[in-house]
């Protein structure tokens, strides 16, 4: 199996897990610790949508949306996401306090 095929299978497995957790949350049957994961996923999608909306055209928008989605899934408080927040200073404050943004 090539590295690309392996990576694709890992991404598909992660996507299946995310979708499953999303479906569980929306049905009200999610495990108690899943709310934090759900918040991160929904927030990452919102950042991606905002990045796309702020882009001047389709092609830069797609790239910006992808980057925002990946950054938010990795670290929801990442400074590169601050421009997408309703209040950019919220990210700075969250990083200073160690809380969510």
PDB file of N, CA and C in Angstrom:
ATOM      1  N   UNK A   1       0.848  -1.170   0.000  1.00  0.00           N
ATOM      2  CA  UNK A   1       0.000   0.000   0.000  1.00  0.00           C
ATOM      3  C   UNK A   1       0.896   1.236   0.000  1.00  0.00           C
ATOM      4  N   UNK A   2       0.607   2.168  -0.874  1.00  0.00           N
ATOM      5  CA  UNK A   2       1.412   3.379  -0.949  1.00  0.00           C
ATOM      6  C   UNK A   2       1.101   4.301   0.234  1.00  0.00           C
ATOM      7  N   UNK A   3       2.008   5.230   0.468  1.00  0.00           N
ATOM      8  CA  UNK A   3       1.816   6.189   1.560  1.00  0.00           C
ATOM      9  C   UNK A   3       0.589   7.053   1.304  1.00  0.00           C
ATOM     10  N   UNK A   4       0.354   7.422   0.055  1.00  0.00           N
ATOM     11  CA  UNK A   4      -0.810   8.238  -0.286  1.00  0.00           C
ATOM     12  C   UNK A   4      -2.100   7.475  -0.014  1.00  0.00           C
ATOM     13  N   UNK A   5      -2.143   6.205  -0.402  1.00  0.00           N
ATOM     14  CA  UNK A   5      -3.328   5.384  -0.148  1.00  0.00           C
ATOM     15  C   UNK A   5      -3.549   5.235   1.353  1.00  0.00           C
ATOM     16  N   UNK A   6      -2.489   5.003   2.093  1.00  0.00           N
ATOM     17  CA  UNK A   6      -2.584   4.862   3.542  1.00  0.00           C
ATOM     18  C   UNK A   6      -3.115   6.148   4.174  1.00  0.00           C
ATOM     19  N   UNK A   7      -2.588   7.282   3.737  1.00  0.00           N
ATOM     20  CA  UNK A   7      -3.041   8.571   4.254  1.00  0.00           C
ATOM     21  C   UNK A   7      -4.510   8.799   3.926  1.00  0.00           C
ATOM     22  N   UNK A   8      -4.899   8.465   2.712  1.00  0.00           N
ATOM     23  CA  UNK A   8      -6.303   8.627   2.314  1.00  0.00           C
ATOM     24  C   UNK A   8      -7.221   7.771   3.187  1.00  0.00           C
ATOM     25  N   UNK A   9      -6.810   6.545   3.471  1.00  0.00           N
ATOM     26  CA  UNK A   9      -7.610   5.669   4.333  1.00  0.00           C
ATOM     27  C   UNK A   9      -7.702   6.223   5.749  1.00  0.00           C
ATOM     28  N   UNK A  10      -6.621   6.819   6.246  1.00  0.00           N
ATOM     29  CA  UNK A  10      -6.641   7.429   7.573  1.00  0.00           C
ATOM     30  C   UNK A  10      -7.587   8.623   7.604  1.00  0.00           C
ATOM     31  N   UNK A  11      -7.565   9.428   6.553  1.00  0.00           N
ATOM     32  CA  UNK A  11      -8.463  10.583   6.469  1.00  0.00           C
ATOM     33  C   UNK A  11      -9.905  10.119   6.401  1.00  0.00           C
ATOM     34  N   UNK A  12     -10.180   9.092   5.615  1.00  0.00           N
ATOM     35  CA  UNK A  12     -11.542   8.563   5.526  1.00  0.00           C
ATOM     36  C   UNK A  12     -12.010   8.020   6.873  1.00  0.00           C
ATOM     37  N   UNK A  13     -11.136   7.328   7.585  1.00  0.00           N
ATOM     38  CA  UNK A  13     -11.497   6.790   8.898  1.00  0.00           C
ATOM     39  C   UNK A  13     -11.778   7.932   9.878  1.00  0.00           C
ATOM     40  N   UNK A  14     -10.956   8.966   9.839  1.00  0.00           N
ATOM     41  CA  UNK A  14     -11.180  10.122  10.716  1.00  0.00           C
ATOM     42  C   UNK A  14     -12.500  10.810  10.368  1.00  0.00           C
ATOM     43  N   UNK A  15     -12.777  10.953   9.085  1.00  0.00           N
ATOM     44  CA  UNK A  15     -14.035  11.579   8.661  1.00  0.00           C
ATOM     45  C   UNK A  15     -15.236  10.758   9.118  1.00  0.00           C
ATOM     46  N   UNK A  16     -15.126   9.440   9.037  1.00  0.00           N
ATOM     47  CA  UNK A  16     -16.213   8.573   9.506  1.00  0.00           C
ATOM     48  C   UNK A  16     -16.427   8.742  11.004  1.00  0.00           C
ATOM     49  N   UNK A  17     -15.352   8.834  11.755  1.00  0.00           N
ATOM     50  CA  UNK A  17     -15.454   9.024  13.197  1.00  0.00           C
ATOM     51  C   UNK A  17     -16.091  10.370  13.520  1.00  0.00           C
ATOM     52  N   UNK A  18     -15.659  11.422  12.839  1.00  0.00           N
ATOM     53  CA  UNK A  18     -16.225  12.752  13.058  1.00  0.00           C
ATOM     54  C   UNK A  18     -17.711  12.762  12.731  1.00  0.00           C
ATOM     55  N   UNK A  19     -18.082  12.196  11.599  1.00  0.00           N
ATOM     56  CA  UNK A  19     -19.494  12.164  11.214  1.00  0.00           C
ATOM     57  C   UNK A  19     -20.314  11.351  12.205  1.00  0.00           C
ATOM     58  N   UNK A  20     -19.772  10.251  12.670  1.00  0.00           N
ATOM     59  CA  UNK A  20     -20.466   9.422  13.655  1.00  0.00           C
ATOM     60  C   UNK A  20     -20.682  10.194  14.953  1.00  0.00           C
ATOM     61  N   UNK A  21     -19.655  10.876  15.421  1.00  0.00           N
ATOM     62  CA  UNK A  21     -19.787  11.661  16.655  1.00  0.00           C
ATOM     63  C   UNK A  21     -20.774  12.806  16.459  1.00  0.00           C
ATOM     64  N   UNK A  22     -20.746  13.424  15.301  1.00  0.00           N
ATOM     65  CA  UNK A  22     -21.705  14.492  14.995  1.00  0.00           C
ATOM     66  C   UNK A  22     -23.127  13.935  15.037  1.00  0.00           C
ATOM     67  N   UNK A  23     -23.344  12.811  14.379  1.00  0.00           N
ATOM     68  CA  UNK A  23     -24.679  12.198  14.366  1.00  0.00           C
ATOM     69  C   UNK A  23     -25.124  11.824  15.775  1.00  0.00           C
ATOM     70  N   UNK A  24     -24.201  11.294  16.576  1.00  0.00           N
ATOM     71  CA  UNK A  24     -24.540  10.950  17.958  1.00  0.00           C
ATOM     72  C   UNK A  24     -24.939  12.198  18.740  1.00  0.00           C
ATOM     73  N   UNK A  25     -24.177  13.262  18.565  1.00  0.00           N
ATOM     74  CA  UNK A  25     -24.481  14.504  19.282  1.00  0.00           C
ATOM     75  C   UNK A  25     -25.855  15.041  18.875  1.00  0.00           C
ATOM     76  N   UNK A  26     -26.112  15.058  17.584  1.00  0.00           N
ATOM     77  CA  UNK A  26     -27.371  15.615  17.092  1.00  0.00           C
ATOM     78  C   UNK A  26     -28.563  14.756  17.510  1.00  0.00           C
ATOM     79  N   UNK A  27     -28.350  13.477  17.739  1.00  0.00           N
ATOM     80  CA  UNK A  27     -29.445  12.595  18.159  1.00  0.00           C
ATOM     81  C   UNK A  27     -29.628  12.612  19.671  1.00  0.00           C
ATOM     82  N   UNK A  28     -28.698  13.250  20.386  1.00  0.00           N
ATOM     83  CA  UNK A  28     -28.785  13.310  21.835  1.00  0.00           C
ATOM     84  C   UNK A  28     -28.229  12.089  22.526  1.00  0.00           C
ATOM     85  N   UNK A  29     -27.627  11.177  21.781  1.00  0.00           N
ATOM     86  CA  UNK A  29     -27.121   9.937  22.381  1.00  0.00           C
ATOM     87  C   UNK A  29     -25.601   9.912  22.480  1.00  0.00           C
ATOM     88  N   UNK A  30     -24.984  11.083  22.455  1.00  0.00           N
ATOM     89  CA  UNK A  30     -23.526  11.115  22.492  1.00  0.00           C
ATOM     90  C   UNK A  30     -23.001  10.818  23.890  1.00  0.00           C
ATOM     91  N   UNK A  31     -21.805  10.258  23.980  1.00  0.00           N
ATOM     92  CA  UNK A  31     -21.188  10.038  25.289  1.00  0.00           C
ATOM     93  C   UNK A  31     -20.902  11.383  25.956  1.00  0.00           C
ATOM     94  N   UNK A  32     -20.863  11.437  27.291  1.00  0.00           N
ATOM     95  CA  UNK A  32     -20.695  12.703  28.009  1.00  0.00           C
ATOM     96  C   UNK A  32     -19.469  13.507  27.603  1.00  0.00           C
ATOM     97  N   UNK A  33     -18.369  12.852  27.233  1.00  0.00           N
ATOM     98  CA  UNK A  33     -17.148  13.584  26.902  1.00  0.00           C
ATOM     99  C   UNK A  33     -17.107  14.048  25.450  1.00  0.00           C
ATOM    100  N   UNK A  34     -18.130  13.788  24.688  1.00  0.00           N
ATOM    101  CA  UNK A  34     -18.109  14.135  23.266  1.00  0.00           C
ATOM    102  C   UNK A  34     -18.454  15.591  23.004  1.00  0.00           C
ATOM    103  N   UNK A  35     -19.023  16.294  23.965  1.00  0.00           N
ATOM    104  CA  UNK A  35     -19.413  17.678  23.720  1.00  0.00           C
ATOM    105  C   UNK A  35     -18.232  18.555  23.336  1.00  0.00           C
ATOM    106  N   UNK A  36     -17.077  18.355  23.965  1.00  0.00           N
ATOM    107  CA  UNK A  36     -15.895  19.124  23.603  1.00  0.00           C
ATOM    108  C   UNK A  36     -15.456  18.843  22.180  1.00  0.00           C
ATOM    109  N   UNK A  37     -15.505  17.571  21.787  1.00  0.00           N
ATOM    110  CA  UNK A  37     -15.163  17.201  20.414  1.00  0.00           C
ATOM    111  C   UNK A  37     -16.158  17.812  19.431  1.00  0.00           C
ATOM    112  N   UNK A  38     -17.435  17.767  19.785  1.00  0.00           N
ATOM    113  CA  UNK A  38     -18.458  18.324  18.913  1.00  0.00           C
ATOM    114  C   UNK A  38     -18.243  19.820  18.734  1.00  0.00           C
ATOM    115  N   UNK A  39     -17.963  20.533  19.824  1.00  0.00           N
ATOM    116  CA  UNK A  39     -17.712  21.969  19.746  1.00  0.00           C
ATOM    117  C   UNK A  39     -16.536  22.258  18.824  1.00  0.00           C
ATOM    118  N   UNK A  40     -15.467  21.489  18.950  1.00  0.00           N
ATOM    119  CA  UNK A  40     -14.289  21.692  18.112  1.00  0.00           C
ATOM    120  C   UNK A  40     -14.627  21.474  16.647  1.00  0.00           C
ATOM    121  N   UNK A  41     -15.359  20.426  16.346  1.00  0.00           N
ATOM    122  CA  UNK A  41     -15.714  20.126  14.955  1.00  0.00           C
ATOM    123  C   UNK A  41     -16.599  21.222  14.374  1.00  0.00           C
ATOM    124  N   UNK A  42     -17.635  21.595  15.099  1.00  0.00           N
ATOM    125  CA  UNK A  42     -18.546  22.629  14.605  1.00  0.00           C
ATOM    126  C   UNK A  42     -17.811  23.963  14.464  1.00  0.00           C
ATOM    127  N   UNK A  43     -16.960  24.285  15.415  1.00  0.00           N
ATOM    128  CA  UNK A  43     -16.188  25.525  15.335  1.00  0.00           C
ATOM    129  C   UNK A  43     -15.242  25.514  14.144  1.00  0.00           C
ATOM    130  N   UNK A  44     -14.598  24.375  13.906  1.00  0.00           N
ATOM    131  CA  UNK A  44     -13.689  24.263  12.764  1.00  0.00           C
ATOM    132  C   UNK A  44     -14.443  24.486  11.452  1.00  0.00           C
ATOM    133  N   UNK A  45     -15.636  23.930  11.357  1.00  0.00           N
ATOM    134  CA  UNK A  45     -16.446  24.114  10.150  1.00  0.00           C
ATOM    135  C   UNK A  45     -16.852  25.581  10.009  1.00  0.00           C
ATOM    136  N   UNK A  46     -17.195  26.206  11.131  1.00  0.00           N
ATOM    137  CA  UNK A  46     -17.562  27.631  11.080  1.00  0.00           C
ATOM    138  C   UNK A  46     -16.381  28.490  10.639  1.00  0.00           C
ATOM    139  N   UNK A  47     -15.179  28.186  11.160  1.00  0.00           N
ATOM    140  CA  UNK A  47     -13.997  28.925  10.721  1.00  0.00           C
ATOM    141  C   UNK A  47     -13.774  28.745   9.227  1.00  0.00           C
ATOM    142  N   UNK A  48     -13.950  27.532   8.739  1.00  0.00           N
ATOM    143  CA  UNK A  48     -13.779  27.274   7.308  1.00  0.00           C
ATOM    144  C   UNK A  48     -14.779  28.088   6.489  1.00  0.00           C
ATOM    145  N   UNK A  49     -16.016  28.106   6.926  1.00  0.00           N
ATOM    146  CA  UNK A  49     -17.035  28.882   6.211  1.00  0.00           C
ATOM    147  C   UNK A  49     -16.725  30.368   6.202  1.00  0.00           C
ATOM    148  N   UNK A  50     -16.265  30.877   7.321  1.00  0.00           N
ATOM    149  CA  UNK A  50     -15.929  32.304   7.403  1.00  0.00           C
ATOM    150  C   UNK A  50     -14.714  32.626   6.535  1.00  0.00           C
ATOM    151  N   UNK A  51     -13.737  31.739   6.527  1.00  0.00           N
ATOM    152  CA  UNK A  51     -12.558  31.956   5.674  1.00  0.00           C
ATOM    153  C   UNK A  51     -12.964  32.012   4.209  1.00  0.00           C
ATOM    154  N   UNK A  52     -13.869  31.136   3.817  1.00  0.00           N
ATOM    155  CA  UNK A  52     -14.360  31.132   2.431  1.00  0.00           C
ATOM    156  C   UNK A  52     -15.123  32.411   2.138  1.00  0.00           C
ATOM    157  N   UNK A  53     -15.954  32.833   3.066  1.00  0.00           N
ATOM    158  CA  UNK A  53     -16.767  34.037   2.869  1.00  0.00           C
ATOM    159  C   UNK A  53     -15.906  35.298   2.750  1.00  0.00           C
ATOM    160  N   UNK A  54     -14.788  35.324   3.446  1.00  0.00           N
ATOM    161  CA  UNK A  54     -13.927  36.506   3.408  1.00  0.00           C
ATOM    162  C   UNK A  54     -12.971  36.523   2.226  1.00  0.00           C
ATOM    163  N   UNK A  55     -12.936  35.473   1.459  1.00  0.00           N
ATOM    164  CA  UNK A  55     -12.007  35.384   0.334  1.00  0.00           C
ATOM    165  C   UNK A  55     -12.575  36.069  -0.901  1.00  0.00           C
ATOM    166  N   UNK A  56     -11.694  36.647  -1.706  1.00  0.00           N
ATOM    167  CA  UNK A  56     -12.157  37.407  -2.867  1.00  0.00           C
ATOM    168  C   UNK A  56     -12.680  36.562  -4.032  1.00  0.00           C
ATOM    169  N   UNK A  57     -12.279  35.295  -4.094  1.00  0.00           N
ATOM    170  CA  UNK A  57     -12.755  34.464  -5.206  1.00  0.00           C
ATOM    171  C   UNK A  57     -12.790  32.998  -4.780  1.00  0.00           C
ATOM    172  N   UNK A  58     -13.331  32.172  -5.652  1.00  0.00           N
ATOM    173  CA  UNK A  58     -13.535  30.752  -5.347  1.00  0.00           C
ATOM    174  C   UNK A  58     -12.235  30.026  -5.012  1.00  0.00           C
ATOM    175  N   UNK A  59     -11.210  30.252  -5.772  1.00  0.00           N
ATOM    176  CA  UNK A  59      -9.990  29.466  -5.616  1.00  0.00           C
ATOM    177  C   UNK A  59      -9.233  29.812  -4.342  1.00  0.00           C
ATOM    178  N   UNK A  60      -9.087  31.097  -4.058  1.00  0.00           N
ATOM    179  CA  UNK A  60      -8.435  31.450  -2.795  1.00  0.00           C
ATOM    180  C   UNK A  60      -9.341  31.090  -1.624  1.00  0.00           C
ATOM    181  N   UNK A  61     -10.630  31.149  -1.833  1.00  0.00           N
ATOM    182  CA  UNK A  61     -11.581  30.786  -0.780  1.00  0.00           C
ATOM    183  C   UNK A  61     -11.496  29.326  -0.394  1.00  0.00           C
ATOM    184  N   UNK A  62     -11.364  28.469  -1.380  1.00  0.00           N
ATOM    185  CA  UNK A  62     -11.243  27.036  -1.092  1.00  0.00           C
ATOM    186  C   UNK A  62      -9.972  26.745  -0.305  1.00  0.00           C
ATOM    187  N   UNK A  63      -8.885  27.382  -0.700  1.00  0.00           N
ATOM    188  CA  UNK A  63      -7.621  27.178   0.009  1.00  0.00           C
ATOM    189  C   UNK A  63      -7.705  27.723   1.430  1.00  0.00           C
ATOM    190  N   UNK A  64      -8.289  28.900   1.581  1.00  0.00           N
ATOM    191  CA  UNK A  64      -8.423  29.497   2.913  1.00  0.00           C
ATOM    192  C   UNK A  64      -9.335  28.662   3.801  1.00  0.00           C
ATOM    193  N   UNK A  65     -10.420  28.145   3.237  1.00  0.00           N
ATOM    194  CA  UNK A  65     -11.345  27.315   4.009  1.00  0.00           C
ATOM    195  C   UNK A  65     -10.662  26.039   4.480  1.00  0.00           C
ATOM    196  N   UNK A  66      -9.930  25.398   3.588  1.00  0.00           N
ATOM    197  CA  UNK A  66      -9.221  24.167   3.954  1.00  0.00           C
ATOM    198  C   UNK A  66      -8.218  24.433   5.065  1.00  0.00           C
ATOM    199  N   UNK A  67      -7.435  25.491   4.919  1.00  0.00           N
ATOM    200  CA  UNK A  67      -6.420  25.816   5.927  1.00  0.00           C
ATOM    201  C   UNK A  67      -7.066  26.129   7.272  1.00  0.00           C
ATOM    202  N   UNK A  68      -8.127  26.903   7.260  1.00  0.00           N
ATOM    203  CA  UNK A  68      -8.816  27.244   8.509  1.00  0.00           C
ATOM    204  C   UNK A  68      -9.393  25.995   9.171  1.00  0.00           C
ATOM    205  N   UNK A  69      -9.977  25.109   8.377  1.00  0.00           N
ATOM    206  CA  UNK A  69     -10.534  23.873   8.920  1.00  0.00           C
ATOM    207  C   UNK A  69      -9.455  23.044   9.594  1.00  0.00           C
ATOM    208  N   UNK A  70      -8.329  22.855   8.916  1.00  0.00           N
ATOM    209  CA  UNK A  70      -7.258  22.040   9.472  1.00  0.00           C
ATOM    210  C   UNK A  70      -6.672  22.686  10.732  1.00  0.00           C
ATOM    211  N   UNK A  71      -6.425  23.988  10.681  1.00  0.00           N
ATOM    212  CA  UNK A  71      -5.882  24.676  11.855  1.00  0.00           C
ATOM    213  C   UNK A  71      -6.814  24.549  13.053  1.00  0.00           C
ATOM    214  N   UNK A  72      -8.112  24.757  12.817  1.00  0.00           N
ATOM    215  CA  UNK A  72      -9.073  24.702  13.921  1.00  0.00           C
ATOM    216  C   UNK A  72      -9.192  23.298  14.499  1.00  0.00           C
ATOM    217  N   UNK A  73      -9.085  22.276  13.659  1.00  0.00           N
ATOM    218  CA  UNK A  73      -9.125  20.903  14.173  1.00  0.00           C
ATOM    219  C   UNK A  73      -7.884  20.584  15.004  1.00  0.00           C
ATOM    220  N   UNK A  74      -6.766  21.190  14.643  1.00  0.00           N
ATOM    221  CA  UNK A  74      -5.520  20.979  15.370  1.00  0.00           C
ATOM    222  C   UNK A  74      -5.511  21.790  16.671  1.00  0.00           C
ATOM    223  N   UNK A  75      -5.852  23.083  16.559  1.00  0.00           N
ATOM    224  CA  UNK A  75      -5.814  23.981  17.727  1.00  0.00           C
ATOM    225  C   UNK A  75      -6.826  25.094  17.528  1.00  0.00           C
ATOM    226  N   UNK A  76      -7.962  24.992  18.199  1.00  0.00           N
ATOM    227  CA  UNK A  76      -9.053  25.951  18.029  1.00  0.00           C
ATOM    228  C   UNK A  76      -8.646  27.370  18.445  1.00  0.00           C
ATOM    229  N   UNK A  77      -7.567  27.497  19.225  1.00  0.00           N
ATOM    230  CA  UNK A  77      -7.100  28.814  19.680  1.00  0.00           C
ATOM    231  C   UNK A  77      -5.925  29.341  18.850  1.00  0.00           C
ATOM    232  N   UNK A  78      -5.634  28.710  17.741  1.00  0.00           N
ATOM    233  CA  UNK A  78      -4.477  29.101  16.925  1.00  0.00           C
ATOM    234  C   UNK A  78      -4.590  30.577  16.522  1.00  0.00           C
ATOM    235  N   UNK A  79      -3.499  31.340  16.649  1.00  0.00           N
ATOM    236  CA  UNK A  79      -3.541  32.768  16.322  1.00  0.00           C
ATOM    237  C   UNK A  79      -3.896  33.071  14.862  1.00  0.00           C
ATOM    238  N   UNK A  80      -3.599  32.158  13.953  1.00  0.00           N
ATOM    239  CA  UNK A  80      -3.932  32.394  12.548  1.00  0.00           C
ATOM    240  C   UNK A  80      -5.435  32.395  12.294  1.00  0.00           C
ATOM    241  N   UNK A  81      -6.226  31.983  13.280  1.00  0.00           N
ATOM    242  CA  UNK A  81      -7.684  31.992  13.139  1.00  0.00           C
ATOM    243  C   UNK A  81      -8.309  33.276  13.676  1.00  0.00           C
ATOM    244  N   UNK A  82      -7.522  34.116  14.333  1.00  0.00           N
ATOM    245  CA  UNK A  82      -8.086  35.302  14.985  1.00  0.00           C
ATOM    246  C   UNK A  82      -8.835  36.222  14.026  1.00  0.00           C
ATOM    247  N   UNK A  83      -8.357  36.363  12.800  1.00  0.00           N
ATOM    248  CA  UNK A  83      -9.026  37.256  11.851  1.00  0.00           C
ATOM    249  C   UNK A  83     -10.419  36.768  11.476  1.00  0.00           C
ATOM    250  N   UNK A  84     -10.704  35.518  11.761  1.00  0.00           N
ATOM    251  CA  UNK A  84     -12.006  34.943  11.431  1.00  0.00           C
ATOM    252  C   UNK A  84     -12.997  35.032  12.592  1.00  0.00           C
ATOM    253  N   UNK A  85     -12.537  35.422  13.760  1.00  0.00           N
ATOM    254  CA  UNK A  85     -13.407  35.504  14.929  1.00  0.00           C
ATOM    255  C   UNK A  85     -14.251  36.772  14.871  1.00  0.00           C
ATOM    256  N   UNK A  86     -15.448  36.712  15.446  1.00  0.00           N
ATOM    257  CA  UNK A  86     -16.291  37.910  15.514  1.00  0.00           C
ATOM    258  C   UNK A  86     -15.544  39.012  16.269  1.00  0.00           C
ATOM    259  N   UNK A  87     -14.805  38.632  17.293  1.00  0.00           N
ATOM    260  CA  UNK A  87     -13.962  39.551  18.052  1.00  0.00           C
ATOM    261  C   UNK A  87     -12.554  38.962  18.062  1.00  0.00           C
ATOM    262  N   UNK A  88     -11.671  39.455  17.197  1.00  0.00           N
ATOM    263  CA  UNK A  88     -10.329  38.889  17.115  1.00  0.00           C
ATOM    264  C   UNK A  88      -9.576  38.852  18.442  1.00  0.00           C
ATOM    265  N   UNK A  89      -9.893  39.768  19.352  1.00  0.00           N
ATOM    266  CA  UNK A  89      -9.198  39.765  20.632  1.00  0.00           C
ATOM    267  C   UNK A  89      -9.614  38.587  21.514  1.00  0.00           C
ATOM    268  N   UNK A  90     -10.697  37.913  21.187  1.00  0.00           N
ATOM    269  CA  UNK A  90     -11.143  36.756  21.963  1.00  0.00           C
ATOM    270  C   UNK A  90     -10.118  35.628  21.907  1.00  0.00           C
ATOM    271  N   UNK A  91      -9.463  35.475  20.783  1.00  0.00           N
ATOM    272  CA  UNK A  91      -8.438  34.437  20.664  1.00  0.00           C
ATOM    273  C   UNK A  91      -7.234  34.749  21.525  1.00  0.00           C
ATOM    274  N   UNK A  92      -6.840  36.021  21.542  1.00  0.00           N
ATOM    275  CA  UNK A  92      -5.712  36.445  22.370  1.00  0.00           C
ATOM    276  C   UNK A  92      -6.043  36.204  23.842  1.00  0.00           C
ATOM    277  N   UNK A  93      -7.247  36.580  24.248  1.00  0.00           N
ATOM    278  CA  UNK A  93      -7.655  36.409  25.647  1.00  0.00           C
ATOM    279  C   UNK A  93      -7.731  34.921  26.012  1.00  0.00           C
ATOM    280  N   UNK A  94      -8.254  34.101  25.129  1.00  0.00           N
ATOM    281  CA  UNK A  94      -8.376  32.666  25.417  1.00  0.00           C
ATOM    282  C   UNK A  94      -7.007  32.022  25.562  1.00  0.00           C
ATOM    283  N   UNK A  95      -6.074  32.419  24.712  1.00  0.00           N
ATOM    284  CA  UNK A  95      -4.721  31.852  24.828  1.00  0.00           C
ATOM    285  C   UNK A  95      -4.059  32.293  26.134  1.00  0.00           C
ATOM    286  N   UNK A  96      -4.307  33.546  26.550  1.00  0.00           N
ATOM    287  CA  UNK A  96      -3.730  34.054  27.788  1.00  0.00           C
ATOM    288  C   UNK A  96      -4.309  33.359  29.024  1.00  0.00           C
ATOM    289  N   UNK A  97      -5.613  33.044  28.952  1.00  0.00           N
ATOM    290  CA  UNK A  97      -6.295  32.422  30.083  1.00  0.00           C
ATOM    291  C   UNK A  97      -6.229  30.896  30.031  1.00  0.00           C
ATOM    292  N   UNK A  98      -5.906  30.341  28.869  1.00  0.00           N
ATOM    293  CA  UNK A  98      -5.897  28.891  28.717  1.00  0.00           C
ATOM    294  C   UNK A  98      -7.282  28.335  28.469  1.00  0.00           C
ATOM    295  N   UNK A  99      -8.271  29.181  28.212  1.00  0.00           N
ATOM    296  CA  UNK A  99      -9.653  28.739  27.967  1.00  0.00           C
ATOM    297  C   UNK A  99      -9.951  28.588  26.499  1.00  0.00           C
ATOM    298  N   UNK A 100     -11.197  28.291  26.177  1.00  0.00           N
ATOM    299  CA  UNK A 100     -11.640  28.159  24.792  1.00  0.00           C
ATOM    300  C   UNK A 100     -11.880  29.511  24.163  1.00  0.00           C
ATOM    301  N   UNK A 101     -11.880  29.551  22.830  1.00  0.00           N
ATOM    302  CA  UNK A 101     -12.110  30.830  22.155  1.00  0.00           C
ATOM    303  C   UNK A 101     -13.322  30.741  21.270  1.00  0.00           C
TER     304      UNK A 101
END
